Amino acid sequence: MRKFSLIKTAAAVFLFLIIIATAAILIILYTAPNQDQDLSTAPWQEHASELRAGDLVLRLGTVTDSLVIAKVSHSAYSHIGMIIQTQPEILVAHATTSDHDYDPDQASITTLKDFWSRALCRAGMAARIDGLDERKLDGVISRLIAYKGRPFVLAPRDQDHFYCSTMLYDAIRSEDPSFTLKWQNLSYPGFKGEYLFPQSFIGSPRVKRLFAFKNDTK
């Protein structure tokens, strides 16, 4: 009889542990952050309907290099791209070194959700260039699409170069030579000469800010 009682007690304890474990799993499942939900509540999405092809999108990246670029250029942002499509999803053309392993050190086309994701973006901004008519804008976008896969080259103005700011600048000036930006002279070990930073676009009188936001990257 005592043995049977011990078995019943052990069974009850086992059942109780199963109930506790099940409850713990359900709590984790229902309280853990959902990635899709995280994207749907991204702070920029309330402005998504304002965006159109040709708009500039900027970000402050999450890696050390991004913070260095923002620091030396006296800017809140370290990277820039241009929207080339808004439907069925918003796509961005840009040149980067470290977003993804599958397309490193080259010009790429990614979704805006990826460009401004919390994994890659601490803060972002959207802006629009005045004076680009539809014909010119189509030419700019065609050039940016053709750049896809071109190697990233960070070099001063007087050398062969191809990075995020110069990629956009060259494409825009090919259609509108009147669009000019101020280059910044650097004098650091390994970085001497004139470079073009995202801040130059922000400082242009032809570039108008649409909105800005910050991501919670914790």
N, C-alpha and C. Protein backbone atom coordinates (compact mmCIF):
# COMPACT_ATOMS: atom_id res chain seq x y z
N MET A 1 0.84 -1.21 0.00
CA MET A 1 0.00 0.00 0.00
C MET A 1 0.88 1.26 0.00
N ARG A 2 1.92 1.22 0.83
CA ARG A 2 2.80 2.39 0.90
C ARG A 2 3.51 2.62 -0.43
N LYS A 3 3.88 1.51 -1.11
CA LYS A 3 4.54 1.63 -2.40
C LYS A 3 3.61 2.28 -3.42
N PHE A 4 2.33 1.87 -3.38
CA PHE A 4 1.33 2.43 -4.30
C PHE A 4 1.15 3.92 -4.04
N SER A 5 1.18 4.29 -2.76
CA SER A 5 1.03 5.70 -2.39
C SER A 5 2.21 6.54 -2.89
N LEU A 6 3.41 5.97 -2.81
CA LEU A 6 4.59 6.67 -3.31
C LEU A 6 4.52 6.87 -4.82
N ILE A 7 4.00 5.83 -5.52
CA ILE A 7 3.86 5.94 -6.97
C ILE A 7 2.87 7.03 -7.33
N LYS A 8 1.75 7.09 -6.58
CA LYS A 8 0.75 8.13 -6.84
C LYS A 8 1.33 9.51 -6.59
N THR A 9 2.13 9.64 -5.53
CA THR A 9 2.74 10.93 -5.21
C THR A 9 3.73 11.35 -6.29
N ALA A 10 4.55 10.39 -6.73
CA ALA A 10 5.52 10.67 -7.79
C ALA A 10 4.82 11.08 -9.07
N ALA A 11 3.72 10.39 -9.40
CA ALA A 11 2.96 10.71 -10.61
C ALA A 11 2.38 12.12 -10.52
N ALA A 12 1.90 12.48 -9.34
CA ALA A 12 1.31 13.81 -9.15
C ALA A 12 2.37 14.89 -9.30
N VAL A 13 3.56 14.62 -8.71
CA VAL A 13 4.66 15.58 -8.83
C VAL A 13 5.08 15.73 -10.28
N PHE A 14 5.16 14.60 -11.01
CA PHE A 14 5.55 14.62 -12.41
C PHE A 14 4.54 15.42 -13.24
N LEU A 15 3.25 15.20 -12.98
CA LEU A 15 2.20 15.92 -13.69
C LEU A 15 2.28 17.42 -13.39
N PHE A 16 2.56 17.75 -12.14
CA PHE A 16 2.68 19.14 -11.75
C PHE A 16 3.84 19.82 -12.48
N LEU A 17 4.98 19.10 -12.59
CA LEU A 17 6.14 19.64 -13.28
C LEU A 17 5.84 19.86 -14.77
N ILE A 18 5.07 18.93 -15.36
CA ILE A 18 4.70 19.08 -16.77
C ILE A 18 3.85 20.33 -16.96
N ILE A 19 2.91 20.55 -16.04
CA ILE A 19 2.03 21.72 -16.13
C ILE A 19 2.85 23.00 -16.00
N ILE A 20 3.80 23.03 -15.06
CA ILE A 20 4.64 24.21 -14.86
C ILE A 20 5.48 24.47 -16.10
N ALA A 21 6.07 23.42 -16.68
CA ALA A 21 6.92 23.56 -17.86
C ALA A 21 6.11 24.07 -19.05
N THR A 22 4.89 23.52 -19.20
CA THR A 22 4.02 23.95 -20.31
C THR A 22 3.66 25.43 -20.16
N ALA A 23 3.34 25.82 -18.93
CA ALA A 23 2.99 27.21 -18.68
C ALA A 23 4.16 28.14 -18.99
N ALA A 24 5.37 27.70 -18.61
CA ALA A 24 6.56 28.52 -18.87
C ALA A 24 6.80 28.69 -20.36
N ILE A 25 6.60 27.61 -21.13
CA ILE A 25 6.79 27.68 -22.58
C ILE A 25 5.78 28.64 -23.21
N LEU A 26 4.51 28.55 -22.75
CA LEU A 26 3.48 29.44 -23.29
C LEU A 26 3.78 30.90 -22.98
N ILE A 27 4.28 31.16 -21.77
CA ILE A 27 4.63 32.54 -21.40
C ILE A 27 5.73 33.07 -22.30
N ILE A 28 6.74 32.24 -22.57
CA ILE A 28 7.85 32.66 -23.44
C ILE A 28 7.36 32.95 -24.85
N LEU A 29 6.49 32.04 -25.36
CA LEU A 29 5.99 32.21 -26.72
C LEU A 29 5.16 33.46 -26.89
N TYR A 30 4.37 33.78 -25.91
CA TYR A 30 3.45 34.92 -26.04
C TYR A 30 4.05 36.25 -25.63
N THR A 31 5.18 36.22 -24.92
CA THR A 31 5.79 37.48 -24.50
C THR A 31 7.06 37.81 -25.24
N ALA A 32 7.66 36.83 -25.95
CA ALA A 32 8.90 37.10 -26.69
C ALA A 32 8.60 38.03 -27.86
N PRO A 33 9.53 38.94 -28.17
CA PRO A 33 9.32 39.85 -29.30
C PRO A 33 9.17 39.08 -30.61
N ASN A 34 8.22 39.46 -31.41
CA ASN A 34 7.98 38.85 -32.70
C ASN A 34 8.63 39.72 -33.77
N GLN A 35 9.45 39.10 -34.65
CA GLN A 35 10.19 39.88 -35.61
C GLN A 35 9.28 40.62 -36.58
N ASP A 36 8.22 39.95 -37.05
CA ASP A 36 7.31 40.60 -37.97
C ASP A 36 6.60 41.76 -37.29
N GLN A 37 6.21 41.55 -36.04
CA GLN A 37 5.57 42.62 -35.30
C GLN A 37 6.54 43.78 -35.10
N ASP A 38 7.82 43.46 -34.87
CA ASP A 38 8.83 44.49 -34.68
C ASP A 38 8.93 45.36 -35.94
N LEU A 39 8.90 44.70 -37.12
CA LEU A 39 8.97 45.44 -38.36
C LEU A 39 7.73 46.28 -38.58
N SER A 40 6.56 45.73 -38.23
CA SER A 40 5.32 46.45 -38.49
C SER A 40 5.18 47.69 -37.60
N THR A 41 5.91 47.70 -36.49
CA THR A 41 5.82 48.86 -35.59
C THR A 41 7.07 49.74 -35.68
N ALA A 42 7.87 49.54 -36.72
CA ALA A 42 9.05 50.37 -36.89
C ALA A 42 8.62 51.84 -36.99
N PRO A 43 9.35 52.74 -36.35
CA PRO A 43 8.91 54.14 -36.27
C PRO A 43 8.76 54.84 -37.61
N TRP A 44 9.48 54.39 -38.64
CA TRP A 44 9.40 55.05 -39.95
C TRP A 44 8.16 54.65 -40.74
N GLN A 45 7.53 53.55 -40.36
CA GLN A 45 6.45 53.02 -41.21
C GLN A 45 5.22 53.92 -41.25
N GLU A 46 5.02 54.74 -40.25
CA GLU A 46 3.88 55.65 -40.29
C GLU A 46 4.06 56.71 -41.38
N HIS A 47 5.29 56.87 -41.89
CA HIS A 47 5.58 57.83 -42.95
C HIS A 47 5.77 57.16 -44.30
N ALA A 48 5.63 55.83 -44.37
CA ALA A 48 5.95 55.10 -45.60
C ALA A 48 5.17 55.62 -46.80
N SER A 49 3.94 56.01 -46.61
CA SER A 49 3.10 56.48 -47.72
C SER A 49 3.59 57.81 -48.29
N GLU A 50 4.43 58.52 -47.56
CA GLU A 50 4.96 59.80 -48.03
C GLU A 50 6.13 59.63 -49.01
N LEU A 51 6.72 58.45 -49.00
CA LEU A 51 7.93 58.22 -49.78
C LEU A 51 7.62 57.96 -51.24
N ARG A 52 8.55 58.38 -52.11
CA ARG A 52 8.40 58.11 -53.53
C ARG A 52 9.77 57.84 -54.14
N ALA A 53 9.76 57.28 -55.34
CA ALA A 53 11.03 56.99 -56.02
C ALA A 53 11.84 58.26 -56.17
N GLY A 54 13.14 58.17 -55.90
CA GLY A 54 14.02 59.31 -55.95
C GLY A 54 14.32 59.93 -54.61
N ASP A 55 13.57 59.57 -53.59
CA ASP A 55 13.84 60.10 -52.25
C ASP A 55 15.14 59.53 -51.70
N LEU A 56 15.84 60.34 -50.96
CA LEU A 56 17.06 59.91 -50.29
C LEU A 56 16.72 59.32 -48.93
N VAL A 57 17.40 58.26 -48.56
CA VAL A 57 17.22 57.67 -47.23
C VAL A 57 18.59 57.55 -46.58
N LEU A 58 18.69 58.02 -45.35
CA LEU A 58 19.96 58.02 -44.63
C LEU A 58 19.81 57.23 -43.34
N ARG A 59 20.93 56.78 -42.82
CA ARG A 59 20.91 56.09 -41.53
C ARG A 59 22.23 56.27 -40.81
N LEU A 60 22.15 56.14 -39.50
CA LEU A 60 23.33 55.97 -38.67
C LEU A 60 23.44 54.49 -38.39
N GLY A 61 24.52 53.88 -38.87
CA GLY A 61 24.66 52.43 -38.73
C GLY A 61 24.96 52.00 -37.31
N THR A 62 24.97 50.69 -37.11
CA THR A 62 25.17 50.13 -35.78
C THR A 62 26.60 49.63 -35.55
N VAL A 63 27.44 49.66 -36.59
CA VAL A 63 28.82 49.18 -36.43
C VAL A 63 29.75 50.34 -36.14
N THR A 64 30.95 50.02 -35.66
CA THR A 64 31.91 51.05 -35.27
C THR A 64 32.28 51.97 -36.42
N ASP A 65 32.45 51.41 -37.61
CA ASP A 65 32.81 52.23 -38.77
C ASP A 65 31.78 53.34 -39.00
N SER A 66 30.52 53.03 -38.77
CA SER A 66 29.46 54.02 -38.98
C SER A 66 29.61 55.18 -38.00
N LEU A 67 29.92 54.86 -36.77
CA LEU A 67 30.09 55.92 -35.77
C LEU A 67 31.29 56.79 -36.09
N VAL A 68 32.34 56.18 -36.63
CA VAL A 68 33.53 56.95 -37.02
C VAL A 68 33.19 57.89 -38.17
N ILE A 69 32.47 57.40 -39.18
CA ILE A 69 32.08 58.24 -40.32
C ILE A 69 31.23 59.41 -39.86
N ALA A 70 30.26 59.13 -38.99
CA ALA A 70 29.41 60.21 -38.48
C ALA A 70 30.24 61.24 -37.72
N LYS A 71 31.22 60.77 -36.98
CA LYS A 71 32.05 61.67 -36.17
C LYS A 71 32.90 62.57 -37.06
N VAL A 72 33.61 62.00 -38.02
CA VAL A 72 34.53 62.81 -38.83
C VAL A 72 33.77 63.74 -39.78
N SER A 73 32.54 63.39 -40.12
CA SER A 73 31.76 64.23 -41.03
C SER A 73 30.83 65.17 -40.29
N HIS A 74 30.91 65.14 -38.96
CA HIS A 74 30.09 66.02 -38.11
C HIS A 74 28.60 65.87 -38.45
N SER A 75 28.17 64.63 -38.48
CA SER A 75 26.81 64.33 -38.93
C SER A 75 26.11 63.37 -37.98
N ALA A 76 24.80 63.33 -38.08
CA ALA A 76 24.01 62.36 -37.33
C ALA A 76 23.85 61.06 -38.13
N TYR A 77 24.38 61.03 -39.37
CA TYR A 77 24.18 59.87 -40.24
C TYR A 77 25.49 59.46 -40.90
N SER A 78 25.56 58.19 -41.27
CA SER A 78 26.80 57.65 -41.81
C SER A 78 26.63 56.98 -43.16
N HIS A 79 25.40 56.81 -43.64
CA HIS A 79 25.16 56.04 -44.87
C HIS A 79 23.95 56.61 -45.59
N ILE A 80 23.96 56.50 -46.92
CA ILE A 80 22.88 57.06 -47.72
C ILE A 80 22.54 56.15 -48.90
N GLY A 81 21.28 56.14 -49.28
CA GLY A 81 20.82 55.41 -50.44
C GLY A 81 19.67 56.17 -51.09
N MET A 82 19.14 55.63 -52.18
CA MET A 82 18.02 56.28 -52.85
C MET A 82 16.93 55.25 -53.13
N ILE A 83 15.69 55.63 -52.90
CA ILE A 83 14.56 54.76 -53.21
C ILE A 83 14.39 54.69 -54.72
N ILE A 84 14.35 53.48 -55.26
CA ILE A 84 14.20 53.30 -56.71
C ILE A 84 12.85 52.71 -57.07
N GLN A 85 12.09 52.28 -56.05
CA GLN A 85 10.78 51.67 -56.30
C GLN A 85 9.97 51.74 -55.02
N THR A 86 8.66 51.95 -55.15
CA THR A 86 7.80 51.97 -53.96
C THR A 86 6.76 50.86 -53.96
N GLN A 87 6.48 50.24 -55.10
CA GLN A 87 5.50 49.17 -55.19
C GLN A 87 6.06 48.00 -55.99
N PRO A 88 5.78 46.76 -55.60
CA PRO A 88 4.95 46.34 -54.46
C PRO A 88 5.63 46.50 -53.10
N GLU A 89 6.94 46.76 -53.10
CA GLU A 89 7.63 47.07 -51.86
C GLU A 89 8.68 48.13 -52.13
N ILE A 90 9.10 48.81 -51.08
CA ILE A 90 10.05 49.91 -51.24
C ILE A 90 11.46 49.34 -51.32
N LEU A 91 12.15 49.68 -52.42
CA LEU A 91 13.51 49.20 -52.64
C LEU A 91 14.49 50.37 -52.63
N VAL A 92 15.70 50.11 -52.12
CA VAL A 92 16.74 51.13 -51.98
C VAL A 92 18.00 50.68 -52.69
N ALA A 93 18.58 51.59 -53.49
CA ALA A 93 19.89 51.34 -54.11
C ALA A 93 20.94 52.04 -53.26
N HIS A 94 21.98 51.30 -52.90
CA HIS A 94 23.05 51.88 -52.09
C HIS A 94 24.31 51.03 -52.22
N ALA A 95 25.43 51.57 -51.79
CA ALA A 95 26.70 50.84 -51.83
C ALA A 95 27.23 50.74 -50.41
N THR A 96 27.54 49.53 -49.98
CA THR A 96 27.96 49.33 -48.59
C THR A 96 28.99 48.22 -48.50
N THR A 97 29.62 48.13 -47.34
CA THR A 97 30.67 47.13 -47.14
C THR A 97 30.23 45.96 -46.27
N SER A 98 29.25 46.16 -45.40
CA SER A 98 29.06 45.16 -44.34
C SER A 98 27.62 44.82 -43.99
N ASP A 99 26.65 45.15 -44.84
CA ASP A 99 25.27 44.83 -44.47
C ASP A 99 25.04 43.33 -44.38
N HIS A 100 25.47 42.60 -45.42
CA HIS A 100 25.21 41.16 -45.48
C HIS A 100 26.40 40.44 -46.09
N ASP A 101 26.57 39.18 -45.70
CA ASP A 101 27.67 38.38 -46.22
C ASP A 101 27.49 38.04 -47.70
N TYR A 102 26.23 38.03 -48.19
CA TYR A 102 25.99 37.59 -49.56
C TYR A 102 26.28 38.69 -50.59
N ASP A 103 26.39 39.95 -50.20
CA ASP A 103 26.74 40.99 -51.16
C ASP A 103 27.65 42.04 -50.53
N PRO A 104 28.81 41.61 -50.03
CA PRO A 104 29.71 42.56 -49.35
C PRO A 104 30.46 43.46 -50.33
N ASP A 105 30.78 44.66 -49.87
CA ASP A 105 31.67 45.56 -50.61
C ASP A 105 31.22 45.83 -52.04
N GLN A 106 29.94 46.19 -52.19
CA GLN A 106 29.45 46.45 -53.53
C GLN A 106 28.14 47.22 -53.50
N ALA A 107 27.73 47.69 -54.67
CA ALA A 107 26.42 48.33 -54.80
C ALA A 107 25.35 47.24 -54.76
N SER A 108 24.30 47.50 -54.04
CA SER A 108 23.24 46.50 -53.92
C SER A 108 21.88 47.18 -53.90
N ILE A 109 20.85 46.36 -54.05
CA ILE A 109 19.47 46.83 -53.97
C ILE A 109 18.78 46.01 -52.89
N THR A 110 18.29 46.68 -51.86
CA THR A 110 17.66 46.00 -50.73
C THR A 110 16.33 46.65 -50.42
N THR A 111 15.55 45.99 -49.59
CA THR A 111 14.28 46.59 -49.17
C THR A 111 14.55 47.69 -48.14
N LEU A 112 13.62 48.62 -48.06
CA LEU A 112 13.76 49.68 -47.06
C LEU A 112 13.66 49.10 -45.65
N LYS A 113 12.85 48.04 -45.49
CA LYS A 113 12.75 47.38 -44.18
C LYS A 113 14.11 46.89 -43.73
N ASP A 114 14.88 46.37 -44.66
CA ASP A 114 16.22 45.89 -44.32
C ASP A 114 17.16 47.07 -44.07
N PHE A 115 17.11 48.06 -44.95
CA PHE A 115 17.99 49.23 -44.85
C PHE A 115 17.83 49.93 -43.51
N TRP A 116 16.58 50.04 -43.04
CA TRP A 116 16.29 50.72 -41.79
C TRP A 116 15.99 49.75 -40.64
N SER A 117 16.38 48.50 -40.77
CA SER A 117 16.12 47.53 -39.70
C SER A 117 16.90 47.89 -38.46
N ARG A 118 16.43 47.46 -37.32
CA ARG A 118 17.11 47.76 -36.05
C ARG A 118 18.50 47.14 -35.99
N ALA A 119 18.72 46.08 -36.76
CA ALA A 119 20.04 45.45 -36.76
C ALA A 119 21.08 46.31 -37.47
N LEU A 120 20.63 47.18 -38.39
CA LEU A 120 21.56 47.96 -39.20
C LEU A 120 21.47 49.46 -38.96
N CYS A 121 20.43 49.91 -38.27
CA CYS A 121 20.15 51.34 -38.22
C CYS A 121 19.81 51.80 -36.80
N ARG A 122 20.58 52.77 -36.31
CA ARG A 122 20.28 53.40 -35.02
C ARG A 122 19.28 54.54 -35.19
N ALA A 123 19.42 55.27 -36.29
CA ALA A 123 18.54 56.41 -36.56
C ALA A 123 18.48 56.60 -38.06
N GLY A 124 17.38 57.18 -38.55
CA GLY A 124 17.23 57.35 -39.98
C GLY A 124 16.58 58.67 -40.34
N MET A 125 16.67 58.99 -41.62
CA MET A 125 16.10 60.23 -42.13
C MET A 125 15.74 60.03 -43.60
N ALA A 126 14.67 60.67 -44.05
CA ALA A 126 14.29 60.68 -45.46
C ALA A 126 14.29 62.12 -45.95
N ALA A 127 14.70 62.32 -47.21
CA ALA A 127 14.78 63.66 -47.78
C ALA A 127 14.46 63.59 -49.27
N ARG A 128 14.18 64.75 -49.86
CA ARG A 128 13.80 64.80 -51.28
C ARG A 128 14.61 65.89 -51.98
N ILE A 129 15.05 65.59 -53.19
CA ILE A 129 15.81 66.55 -53.98
C ILE A 129 14.86 67.38 -54.84
N ASP A 130 14.93 68.68 -54.71
CA ASP A 130 14.13 69.57 -55.54
C ASP A 130 14.72 69.66 -56.94
N GLY A 131 13.85 69.82 -57.94
CA GLY A 131 14.32 70.10 -59.29
C GLY A 131 14.63 68.90 -60.15
N LEU A 132 14.36 67.69 -59.67
CA LEU A 132 14.55 66.49 -60.50
C LEU A 132 13.21 66.13 -61.12
N ASP A 133 13.04 66.43 -62.41
CA ASP A 133 11.77 66.09 -63.05
C ASP A 133 11.74 64.59 -63.34
N GLU A 134 10.61 64.13 -63.84
CA GLU A 134 10.41 62.69 -64.03
C GLU A 134 11.42 62.09 -65.00
N ARG A 135 11.74 62.81 -66.06
CA ARG A 135 12.69 62.29 -67.04
C ARG A 135 14.08 62.13 -66.42
N LYS A 136 14.52 63.16 -65.70
CA LYS A 136 15.83 63.09 -65.05
C LYS A 136 15.86 61.99 -63.99
N LEU A 137 14.78 61.90 -63.23
CA LEU A 137 14.72 60.90 -62.17
C LEU A 137 14.77 59.49 -62.73
N ASP A 138 14.08 59.25 -63.85
CA ASP A 138 14.14 57.93 -64.48
C ASP A 138 15.58 57.60 -64.88
N GLY A 139 16.31 58.61 -65.37
CA GLY A 139 17.70 58.38 -65.76
C GLY A 139 18.58 58.06 -64.56
N VAL A 140 18.37 58.76 -63.46
CA VAL A 140 19.14 58.50 -62.24
C VAL A 140 18.89 57.09 -61.75
N ILE A 141 17.64 56.70 -61.68
CA ILE A 141 17.29 55.37 -61.17
C ILE A 141 17.84 54.27 -62.08
N SER A 142 17.78 54.49 -63.39
CA SER A 142 18.33 53.50 -64.33
C SER A 142 19.83 53.29 -64.09
N ARG A 143 20.54 54.38 -63.83
CA ARG A 143 21.98 54.28 -63.56
C ARG A 143 22.23 53.53 -62.26
N LEU A 144 21.46 53.82 -61.22
CA LEU A 144 21.65 53.15 -59.94
C LEU A 144 21.39 51.66 -60.06
N ILE A 145 20.40 51.29 -60.83
CA ILE A 145 20.13 49.86 -61.03
C ILE A 145 21.30 49.20 -61.77
N ALA A 146 21.83 49.92 -62.76
CA ALA A 146 22.96 49.37 -63.54
C ALA A 146 24.22 49.23 -62.68
N TYR A 147 24.34 50.04 -61.62
CA TYR A 147 25.50 49.97 -60.74
C TYR A 147 25.52 48.70 -59.88
N LYS A 148 24.40 48.00 -59.77
CA LYS A 148 24.31 46.84 -58.87
C LYS A 148 25.47 45.87 -59.12
N GLY A 149 26.16 45.54 -58.03
CA GLY A 149 27.29 44.61 -58.12
C GLY A 149 28.63 45.29 -58.31
N ARG A 150 28.64 46.59 -58.57
CA ARG A 150 29.92 47.30 -58.76
C ARG A 150 30.67 47.35 -57.43
N PRO A 151 31.98 47.07 -57.45
CA PRO A 151 32.75 47.01 -56.20
C PRO A 151 32.81 48.35 -55.47
N PHE A 152 32.74 48.28 -54.16
CA PHE A 152 32.85 49.44 -53.27
C PHE A 152 34.32 49.86 -53.19
N VAL A 153 34.58 51.14 -53.43
CA VAL A 153 35.96 51.64 -53.36
C VAL A 153 35.94 52.96 -52.59
N LEU A 154 36.50 52.95 -51.39
CA LEU A 154 36.58 54.18 -50.59
C LEU A 154 37.93 54.82 -50.86
N ALA A 155 37.92 55.92 -51.61
CA ALA A 155 39.15 56.61 -51.99
C ALA A 155 38.84 58.09 -52.16
N PRO A 156 39.87 58.94 -52.08
CA PRO A 156 39.63 60.39 -52.23
C PRO A 156 39.18 60.76 -53.63
N ARG A 157 38.76 62.00 -53.75
CA ARG A 157 38.16 62.50 -54.98
C ARG A 157 39.07 62.39 -56.19
N ASP A 158 40.37 62.54 -56.01
CA ASP A 158 41.29 62.52 -57.14
C ASP A 158 41.73 61.11 -57.54
N GLN A 159 41.13 60.10 -56.91
CA GLN A 159 41.42 58.71 -57.27
C GLN A 159 40.11 58.01 -57.64
N ASP A 160 40.24 56.83 -58.26
CA ASP A 160 39.04 56.06 -58.57
C ASP A 160 38.31 55.74 -57.27
N HIS A 161 37.04 56.04 -57.23
CA HIS A 161 36.27 55.84 -56.00
C HIS A 161 34.85 55.42 -56.34
N PHE A 162 34.21 54.73 -55.42
CA PHE A 162 32.81 54.33 -55.58
C PHE A 162 32.29 53.89 -54.21
N TYR A 163 31.59 54.77 -53.54
CA TYR A 163 30.97 54.44 -52.26
C TYR A 163 29.61 55.11 -52.19
N CYS A 164 28.91 54.96 -51.10
CA CYS A 164 27.48 55.31 -51.08
C CYS A 164 27.19 56.72 -51.57
N SER A 165 27.92 57.71 -51.07
CA SER A 165 27.66 59.10 -51.43
C SER A 165 28.02 59.39 -52.89
N THR A 166 29.17 58.88 -53.35
CA THR A 166 29.59 59.18 -54.72
C THR A 166 28.76 58.41 -55.73
N MET A 167 28.28 57.24 -55.35
CA MET A 167 27.39 56.48 -56.23
C MET A 167 26.14 57.31 -56.57
N LEU A 168 25.53 57.89 -55.54
CA LEU A 168 24.34 58.71 -55.77
C LEU A 168 24.70 60.00 -56.49
N TYR A 169 25.76 60.64 -56.06
CA TYR A 169 26.16 61.93 -56.63
C TYR A 169 26.44 61.81 -58.12
N ASP A 170 27.19 60.79 -58.52
CA ASP A 170 27.51 60.61 -59.93
C ASP A 170 26.25 60.33 -60.75
N ALA A 171 25.34 59.52 -60.20
CA ALA A 171 24.11 59.20 -60.92
C ALA A 171 23.24 60.45 -61.09
N ILE A 172 23.16 61.27 -60.05
CA ILE A 172 22.34 62.48 -60.12
C ILE A 172 22.94 63.49 -61.08
N ARG A 173 24.25 63.71 -60.98
CA ARG A 173 24.91 64.70 -61.84
C ARG A 173 24.94 64.28 -63.30
N SER A 174 24.86 62.98 -63.57
CA SER A 174 24.81 62.53 -64.95
C SER A 174 23.54 63.02 -65.65
N GLU A 175 22.48 63.24 -64.87
CA GLU A 175 21.21 63.73 -65.41
C GLU A 175 21.00 65.21 -65.14
N ASP A 176 21.63 65.73 -64.10
CA ASP A 176 21.46 67.13 -63.71
C ASP A 176 22.80 67.69 -63.24
N PRO A 177 23.63 68.18 -64.16
CA PRO A 177 24.96 68.70 -63.80
C PRO A 177 24.91 69.90 -62.87
N SER A 178 23.75 70.53 -62.73
CA SER A 178 23.66 71.69 -61.85
C SER A 178 23.62 71.30 -60.37
N PHE A 179 23.43 70.01 -60.11
CA PHE A 179 23.39 69.54 -58.72
C PHE A 179 24.83 69.40 -58.21
N THR A 180 25.19 70.22 -57.25
CA THR A 180 26.56 70.18 -56.72
C THR A 180 26.54 70.03 -55.21
N LEU A 181 27.56 69.38 -54.70
CA LEU A 181 27.71 69.17 -53.25
C LEU A 181 29.11 69.56 -52.81
N LYS A 182 29.24 69.84 -51.54
CA LYS A 182 30.53 70.22 -50.96
C LYS A 182 31.26 68.98 -50.46
N TRP A 183 32.49 68.80 -50.93
CA TRP A 183 33.32 67.70 -50.48
C TRP A 183 34.07 68.13 -49.22
N GLN A 184 34.44 67.14 -48.40
CA GLN A 184 35.13 67.45 -47.14
C GLN A 184 36.57 66.96 -47.21
N ASN A 185 37.48 67.83 -46.85
CA ASN A 185 38.90 67.48 -46.86
C ASN A 185 39.29 66.79 -45.54
N LEU A 186 39.88 65.61 -45.64
CA LEU A 186 40.32 64.86 -44.47
C LEU A 186 41.84 64.78 -44.44
N SER A 187 42.38 64.73 -43.24
CA SER A 187 43.82 64.57 -43.09
C SER A 187 44.08 63.63 -41.91
N TYR A 188 43.77 62.36 -42.13
CA TYR A 188 43.99 61.32 -41.13
C TYR A 188 44.91 60.26 -41.73
N PRO A 189 45.62 59.51 -40.91
CA PRO A 189 46.44 58.43 -41.45
C PRO A 189 45.59 57.47 -42.28
N GLY A 190 45.94 57.32 -43.54
CA GLY A 190 45.18 56.44 -44.42
C GLY A 190 44.00 57.11 -45.09
N PHE A 191 43.62 58.29 -44.63
CA PHE A 191 42.49 59.01 -45.21
C PHE A 191 42.87 60.46 -45.40
N LYS A 192 43.45 60.75 -46.53
CA LYS A 192 43.86 62.13 -46.84
C LYS A 192 43.26 62.50 -48.19
N GLY A 193 42.69 63.68 -48.24
CA GLY A 193 42.09 64.15 -49.48
C GLY A 193 40.62 64.48 -49.28
N GLU A 194 39.92 64.73 -50.38
CA GLU A 194 38.52 65.12 -50.33
C GLU A 194 37.61 63.90 -50.43
N TYR A 195 36.65 63.85 -49.53
CA TYR A 195 35.66 62.77 -49.52
C TYR A 195 34.27 63.38 -49.49
N LEU A 196 33.30 62.61 -49.97
CA LEU A 196 31.91 63.06 -49.98
C LEU A 196 31.11 62.23 -48.98
N PHE A 197 30.47 62.89 -48.05
CA PHE A 197 29.73 62.20 -47.00
C PHE A 197 28.22 62.46 -47.13
N PRO A 198 27.40 61.61 -46.51
CA PRO A 198 25.95 61.84 -46.53
C PRO A 198 25.57 63.23 -46.04
N GLN A 199 26.34 63.79 -45.11
CA GLN A 199 26.03 65.11 -44.58
C GLN A 199 26.02 66.17 -45.69
N SER A 200 26.80 65.96 -46.74
CA SER A 200 26.83 66.92 -47.84
C SER A 200 25.47 67.03 -48.52
N PHE A 201 24.75 65.92 -48.61
CA PHE A 201 23.41 65.95 -49.19
C PHE A 201 22.47 66.74 -48.28
N ILE A 202 22.56 66.48 -46.98
CA ILE A 202 21.70 67.18 -46.02
C ILE A 202 21.93 68.68 -46.08
N GLY A 203 23.18 69.07 -46.30
CA GLY A 203 23.52 70.48 -46.31
C GLY A 203 23.19 71.20 -47.61
N SER A 204 22.76 70.48 -48.63
CA SER A 204 22.44 71.10 -49.90
C SER A 204 21.11 71.87 -49.81
N PRO A 205 21.05 73.08 -50.37
CA PRO A 205 19.78 73.83 -50.37
C PRO A 205 18.70 73.17 -51.23
N ARG A 206 19.10 72.24 -52.07
CA ARG A 206 18.12 71.54 -52.92
C ARG A 206 17.56 70.29 -52.27
N VAL A 207 18.06 69.94 -51.11
CA VAL A 207 17.59 68.72 -50.42
C VAL A 207 16.72 69.12 -49.24
N LYS A 208 15.47 68.64 -49.25
CA LYS A 208 14.50 68.98 -48.22
C LYS A 208 14.19 67.76 -47.35
N ARG A 209 14.30 67.94 -46.06
CA ARG A 209 14.01 66.85 -45.12
C ARG A 209 12.53 66.52 -45.11
N LEU A 210 12.21 65.22 -45.10
CA LEU A 210 10.83 64.75 -45.00
C LEU A 210 10.49 64.35 -43.58
N PHE A 211 11.31 63.46 -42.99
CA PHE A 211 11.10 63.04 -41.61
C PHE A 211 12.36 62.36 -41.10
N ALA A 212 12.44 62.22 -39.80
CA ALA A 212 13.56 61.53 -39.16
C ALA A 212 13.02 60.69 -38.02
N PHE A 213 13.80 59.70 -37.58
CA PHE A 213 13.36 58.81 -36.50
C PHE A 213 14.56 58.18 -35.84
N LYS A 214 14.32 57.57 -34.69
CA LYS A 214 15.35 56.78 -34.00
C LYS A 214 14.81 55.40 -33.73
N ASN A 215 15.69 54.42 -33.89
CA ASN A 215 15.33 53.03 -33.60
C ASN A 215 15.80 52.65 -32.21
N ASP A 216 15.02 51.81 -31.55
CA ASP A 216 15.45 51.23 -30.29
C ASP A 216 16.27 50.00 -30.65
N THR A 217 17.60 50.12 -30.53
CA THR A 217 18.49 49.03 -30.93
C THR A 217 18.94 48.16 -29.77
N LYS A 218 18.32 48.32 -28.60
CA LYS A 218 18.73 47.52 -27.43
C LYS A 218 18.31 46.09 -27.61
